[in-house]
Amino acid sequence: MKTKKIFKKNKLLIHIILIIVSVSMLIPFLWMILTAFKTNAEATQVAPFIIFPKEWKLDSFIRVTNTVDFLKLYANTILFILLRIVCAVVTSTMAGYALARLNFLGKKFAFMVVLLQMMVPGQVFVIPQYQMVSDLGMTNTIFALVFPGLVSTFGTFFLRQAFMSLPNDLEEAARLDGCNIGQIFLYVFMPLTKSAVTALSIFTAVFAYKDLMWPMIVNTRKSSQVLSSALAQLQGQYASNYPDLMAASLIASVPMIVLYLIFQRQFIEGIATSGGKL
């Protein structure tokens, strides 16, 4: 009985801690929503600090939407994200399958290279990647934005784990039925890793959506801007107008929130099923 009581107390304490942590993570998002509806005077007032706006006004949203062409930015960003997802899924599924199920010379070394590249910060590759894009004359194009995402080391590792988690009996049965490597990959393993592929697509979309440095480096044209770089320019334009900044940020956040709400089940399933052995 004593042990059960202690266990219940510990469980309750853990739940309380998790709730506090979860709420603390929501505070910046809630602050953004509340500030977007405030006046600039209310947003910058220190004492007494105003949590809720006295009047819920849409002035900030009206100013921002009149200044920024969000439809164009959404179109550019969606195209950019879709191309990144296609590149990541195509290359990662093939590379992940090869590292998980095929035997070839240098397989362990190739996997070590993938792991090492995952440990190196992405900023290290910015200069050589920019030089390559510049030499190809591709700056200020959609190809330049997509270039770093042509191959995803994270995606390769992620899908390798998903392929590794599937039983060998499936592959052996397919071989007995006369399937070649391509058929086994397309018709046996790919349908069984749909959740992991969906999760990778969501990860890639989120990483691309919040990518700021690369779009600002390779793209200087307003007509081909994406949301992240456009918001960064707004920060300079509305440096002291927090409600306008928060309104723009809130508008830019909507697609990712909707994406997660629609695909949250696949997202969780993908993470759960992609575990496996190294």
Protein backbone atom coordinates (compact mmCIF):
# COMPACT_ATOMS: atom_id res chain seq x y z
CA MET A 1 0.00 0.00 0.00
CA LYS A 2 2.83 2.37 0.90
CA THR A 3 4.53 1.70 -2.43
CA LYS A 4 1.29 2.41 -4.33
CA LYS A 5 0.80 5.71 -2.48
CA ILE A 6 4.39 6.77 -3.21
CA PHE A 7 3.93 5.79 -6.87
CA LYS A 8 0.70 7.82 -7.11
CA LYS A 9 2.35 10.85 -5.48
CA ASN A 10 5.33 10.64 -7.84
CA LYS A 11 3.01 10.27 -10.83
CA LEU A 12 0.99 13.30 -9.74
CA LEU A 13 4.18 15.33 -9.25
CA ILE A 14 5.43 14.35 -12.72
CA HIS A 15 2.09 15.36 -14.26
CA ILE A 16 2.17 18.73 -12.48
CA ILE A 17 5.73 19.39 -13.71
CA LEU A 18 4.77 18.42 -17.28
CA ILE A 19 1.72 20.70 -17.18
CA ILE A 20 3.84 23.62 -15.94
CA VAL A 21 6.43 23.01 -18.67
CA SER A 22 3.70 22.73 -21.34
CA VAL A 23 2.04 25.96 -20.23
CA SER A 24 5.40 27.78 -20.14
CA MET A 25 6.02 26.70 -23.75
CA LEU A 26 2.67 28.20 -24.78
CA ILE A 27 3.34 31.57 -23.12
CA PRO A 28 5.28 33.11 -26.09
CA PHE A 29 2.51 32.09 -28.50
CA LEU A 30 -0.22 33.47 -26.23
CA TRP A 31 1.79 36.68 -25.76
CA MET A 32 2.02 37.02 -29.56
CA ILE A 33 -1.78 36.66 -29.93
CA LEU A 34 -2.56 39.16 -27.16
CA THR A 35 0.00 41.71 -28.39
CA ALA A 36 -1.36 41.56 -31.94
CA PHE A 37 -4.68 42.99 -30.69
CA LYS A 38 -3.14 45.69 -28.47
CA THR A 39 -2.23 49.26 -29.33
CA ASN A 40 1.47 50.08 -29.47
CA ALA A 41 1.16 52.07 -26.22
CA GLU A 42 -0.34 49.06 -24.44
CA ALA A 43 2.30 46.70 -25.87
CA THR A 44 5.21 48.86 -24.69
CA GLN A 45 3.78 49.81 -21.29
CA VAL A 46 5.97 48.40 -18.51
CA ALA A 47 4.22 49.46 -15.30
CA PRO A 48 1.56 48.42 -14.80
CA PHE A 49 2.01 45.59 -17.30
CA ILE A 50 -1.09 45.01 -19.44
CA ILE A 51 -1.85 41.36 -20.21
CA PHE A 52 -5.13 41.71 -22.08
CA PRO A 53 -5.88 44.57 -24.50
CA LYS A 54 -8.45 47.09 -23.30
CA GLU A 55 -10.11 46.87 -26.71
CA TRP A 56 -9.65 43.98 -29.14
CA LYS A 57 -8.73 45.88 -32.30
CA LEU A 58 -7.80 44.58 -35.76
CA ASP A 59 -5.82 47.72 -36.70
CA SER A 60 -2.47 45.87 -36.71
CA PHE A 61 -3.79 43.15 -39.03
CA ILE A 62 -5.25 45.75 -41.41
CA ARG A 63 -1.98 47.73 -41.55
CA VAL A 64 0.14 44.63 -42.12
CA THR A 65 -2.10 43.12 -44.81
CA ASN A 66 -2.18 46.46 -46.64
CA THR A 67 1.63 46.63 -46.56
CA VAL A 68 2.57 43.01 -47.23
CA ASP A 69 1.35 40.83 -50.11
CA PHE A 70 0.75 37.70 -48.02
CA LEU A 71 -0.91 35.80 -50.89
CA LYS A 72 2.28 36.10 -52.98
CA LEU A 73 4.43 35.16 -49.99
CA TYR A 74 2.23 32.14 -49.25
CA ALA A 75 2.46 31.02 -52.90
CA ASN A 76 6.27 31.34 -52.93
CA THR A 77 6.59 29.59 -49.58
CA ILE A 78 4.27 26.71 -50.52
CA LEU A 79 6.19 26.09 -53.76
CA PHE A 80 9.49 26.24 -51.87
CA ILE A 81 8.25 23.80 -49.20
CA LEU A 82 6.73 21.35 -51.71
CA LEU A 83 9.98 21.17 -53.69
CA ARG A 84 11.98 20.66 -50.48
CA ILE A 85 9.61 17.85 -49.41
CA VAL A 86 9.80 16.09 -52.80
CA CYS A 87 13.62 16.25 -52.82
CA ALA A 88 13.93 15.10 -49.20
CA VAL A 89 11.47 12.20 -49.57
CA VAL A 90 12.88 10.90 -52.88
CA THR A 91 16.54 10.98 -51.84
CA SER A 92 15.99 9.94 -48.22
CA THR A 93 13.80 6.93 -49.01
CA MET A 94 16.31 5.54 -51.51
CA ALA A 95 19.38 6.26 -49.36
CA GLY A 96 17.66 5.06 -46.17
CA TYR A 97 16.56 1.82 -47.86
CA ALA A 98 20.06 1.19 -49.21
CA LEU A 99 21.66 1.73 -45.78
CA ALA A 100 19.05 -0.40 -44.01
CA ARG A 101 18.41 -3.37 -46.32
CA LEU A 102 21.20 -3.66 -48.91
CA ASN A 103 24.71 -5.03 -48.49
CA PHE A 104 27.46 -3.20 -50.35
CA LEU A 105 31.11 -2.23 -49.93
CA GLY A 106 31.52 0.82 -47.70
CA LYS A 107 28.03 0.63 -46.20
CA LYS A 108 29.22 1.25 -42.63
CA PHE A 109 31.47 4.08 -43.77
CA ALA A 110 28.59 5.70 -45.68
CA PHE A 111 26.40 5.50 -42.59
CA MET A 112 29.17 7.05 -40.47
CA VAL A 113 29.41 9.93 -42.96
CA VAL A 114 25.65 10.50 -42.59
CA LEU A 115 25.96 10.54 -38.79
CA LEU A 116 28.97 12.89 -38.87
CA GLN A 117 27.19 15.30 -41.19
CA MET A 118 24.20 15.35 -38.83
CA MET A 119 26.52 16.43 -36.02
CA VAL A 120 27.99 19.35 -37.99
CA PRO A 121 25.99 22.62 -37.80
CA GLY A 122 24.31 23.51 -41.08
CA GLN A 123 25.88 26.99 -41.02
CA VAL A 124 29.26 25.38 -41.81
CA PHE A 125 28.00 24.48 -45.30
CA VAL A 126 26.47 27.89 -46.10
CA ILE A 127 29.55 29.41 -47.79
CA PRO A 128 30.39 26.42 -50.06
CA GLN A 129 26.70 26.00 -50.92
CA TYR A 130 26.39 29.68 -51.82
CA GLN A 131 29.54 29.50 -53.97
CA MET A 132 28.10 26.52 -55.85
CA VAL A 133 24.75 28.27 -56.43
CA SER A 134 26.51 31.49 -57.47
CA ASP A 135 28.84 29.67 -59.90
CA LEU A 136 25.78 28.04 -61.49
CA GLY A 137 24.16 31.49 -61.85
CA MET A 138 21.14 30.34 -59.86
CA THR A 139 20.90 33.08 -57.20
CA ASN A 140 17.46 34.70 -56.84
CA THR A 141 15.76 31.56 -58.19
CA ILE A 142 13.61 28.87 -56.60
CA PHE A 143 16.42 26.36 -57.27
CA ALA A 144 18.74 28.36 -55.01
CA LEU A 145 16.20 28.18 -52.16
CA VAL A 146 15.74 24.42 -52.59
CA PHE A 147 19.44 23.60 -53.11
CA PRO A 148 20.43 22.79 -49.47
CA GLY A 149 17.42 20.45 -49.22
CA LEU A 150 18.24 18.34 -52.29
CA VAL A 151 19.65 15.72 -49.90
CA SER A 152 18.62 15.36 -46.25
CA THR A 153 20.98 13.55 -43.88
CA PHE A 154 18.36 13.70 -41.15
CA GLY A 155 15.79 12.21 -43.53
CA THR A 156 18.21 9.46 -44.55
CA PHE A 157 18.84 8.50 -40.93
CA PHE A 158 15.15 8.82 -40.01
CA LEU A 159 13.94 6.54 -42.80
CA ARG A 160 16.81 4.11 -42.34
CA GLN A 161 15.51 3.53 -38.82
CA ALA A 162 12.00 3.00 -40.18
CA PHE A 163 13.20 0.45 -42.75
CA MET A 164 15.35 -1.30 -40.13
CA SER A 165 12.30 -1.79 -37.90
CA LEU A 166 10.53 -3.95 -40.51
CA PRO A 167 11.00 -7.77 -40.30
CA ASN A 168 13.35 -9.56 -42.71
CA ASP A 169 10.64 -12.14 -43.46
CA LEU A 170 8.85 -9.61 -45.67
CA GLU A 171 11.90 -9.17 -47.88
CA GLU A 172 12.55 -12.92 -48.07
CA ALA A 173 8.92 -13.62 -49.02
CA ALA A 174 9.05 -10.96 -51.74
CA ARG A 175 12.26 -12.45 -53.16
CA LEU A 176 10.66 -15.90 -53.26
CA ASP A 177 7.80 -14.37 -55.26
CA GLY A 178 10.35 -13.14 -57.81
CA CYS A 179 10.52 -9.46 -56.83
CA ASN A 180 13.70 -7.52 -57.61
CA ILE A 181 15.22 -4.80 -55.38
CA GLY A 182 13.17 -2.02 -56.96
CA GLN A 183 9.89 -3.91 -56.59
CA ILE A 184 10.62 -4.80 -52.96
CA PHE A 185 11.39 -1.15 -52.26
CA LEU A 186 8.31 0.26 -54.03
CA TYR A 187 5.64 -2.35 -53.32
CA VAL A 188 6.68 -3.88 -49.99
CA PHE A 189 8.65 -1.39 -47.89
CA MET A 190 7.30 1.98 -49.06
CA PRO A 191 3.63 1.22 -48.20
CA LEU A 192 4.70 0.05 -44.73
CA THR A 193 6.62 3.25 -43.99
CA LYS A 194 3.93 5.76 -45.00
CA SER A 195 3.72 7.12 -41.44
CA ALA A 196 7.48 7.71 -41.31
CA VAL A 197 7.45 9.36 -44.75
CA THR A 198 4.57 11.60 -43.66
CA ALA A 199 6.47 12.53 -40.48
CA LEU A 200 9.57 13.34 -42.54
CA SER A 201 7.45 15.49 -44.86
CA ILE A 202 6.12 17.44 -41.87
CA PHE A 203 9.63 17.82 -40.40
CA THR A 204 10.93 19.05 -43.77
CA ALA A 205 8.03 21.48 -44.13
CA VAL A 206 8.67 22.93 -40.66
CA PHE A 207 12.44 23.21 -41.22
CA ALA A 208 11.90 24.90 -44.61
CA TYR A 209 9.18 27.20 -43.27
CA LYS A 210 11.36 28.57 -40.49
CA ASP A 211 14.58 28.71 -42.53
CA LEU A 212 15.67 32.35 -42.43
CA MET A 213 19.39 32.66 -43.10
CA TRP A 214 19.57 30.80 -46.42
CA PRO A 215 16.62 32.60 -48.13
CA MET A 216 18.06 35.96 -47.06
CA ILE A 217 21.50 35.07 -48.47
CA VAL A 218 20.52 33.69 -51.89
CA ASN A 219 17.42 35.77 -52.61
CA THR A 220 17.30 39.57 -52.78
CA ARG A 221 14.28 39.94 -55.06
CA LYS A 222 10.98 40.92 -53.45
CA SER A 223 8.98 39.00 -56.06
CA SER A 224 10.49 35.65 -55.00
CA GLN A 225 10.64 36.22 -51.24
CA VAL A 226 9.35 33.62 -48.79
CA LEU A 227 7.56 34.37 -45.50
CA SER A 228 10.59 34.05 -43.21
CA SER A 229 12.75 36.59 -45.07
CA ALA A 230 9.78 38.95 -45.55
CA LEU A 231 9.06 38.91 -41.81
CA ALA A 232 12.72 39.66 -41.08
CA GLN A 233 12.47 42.80 -43.23
CA LEU A 234 9.28 43.79 -41.43
CA GLN A 235 11.22 43.69 -38.17
CA GLY A 236 13.40 46.50 -39.46
CA GLN A 237 10.43 48.39 -40.87
CA TYR A 238 8.31 48.12 -37.70
CA ALA A 239 11.08 47.94 -35.12
CA SER A 240 9.09 49.81 -32.48
CA ASN A 241 5.61 48.62 -33.47
CA TYR A 242 5.19 45.31 -31.67
CA PRO A 243 1.47 44.82 -32.46
CA ASP A 244 2.18 44.98 -36.22
CA LEU A 245 5.10 42.56 -35.86
CA MET A 246 3.01 40.14 -33.82
CA ALA A 247 0.08 40.40 -36.25
CA ALA A 248 2.38 39.53 -39.18
CA SER A 249 3.94 36.68 -37.20
CA LEU A 250 0.50 35.33 -36.29
CA ILE A 251 -0.64 35.39 -39.92
CA ALA A 252 2.57 33.60 -40.93
CA SER A 253 2.09 30.95 -38.21
CA VAL A 254 -1.38 29.86 -39.31
CA PRO A 255 -0.30 27.38 -42.07
CA MET A 256 2.02 25.46 -39.73
CA ILE A 257 -0.65 25.25 -37.03
CA VAL A 258 -3.19 23.94 -39.55
CA LEU A 259 -0.64 21.47 -40.95
CA TYR A 260 0.08 20.04 -37.52
CA LEU A 261 -3.62 19.80 -36.57
CA ILE A 262 -4.38 17.88 -39.77
CA PHE A 263 -1.39 15.52 -39.66
CA GLN A 264 -0.71 15.18 -35.93
CA ARG A 265 -1.68 11.47 -35.88
CA GLN A 266 0.70 10.62 -38.74
CA PHE A 267 3.37 12.79 -37.15
CA ILE A 268 3.21 10.89 -33.84
CA GLU A 269 2.95 7.49 -35.57
CA GLY A 270 5.95 8.29 -37.75
CA ILE A 271 8.14 9.12 -34.76
CA ALA A 272 6.92 6.04 -32.86
CA THR A 273 7.52 3.63 -35.74
CA SER A 274 10.87 5.04 -36.90
CA GLY A 275 12.77 3.85 -33.85
CA GLY A 276 15.10 0.94 -34.36
CA LYS A 277 18.57 -0.37 -33.95
CA LEU A 278 21.72 1.35 -35.08
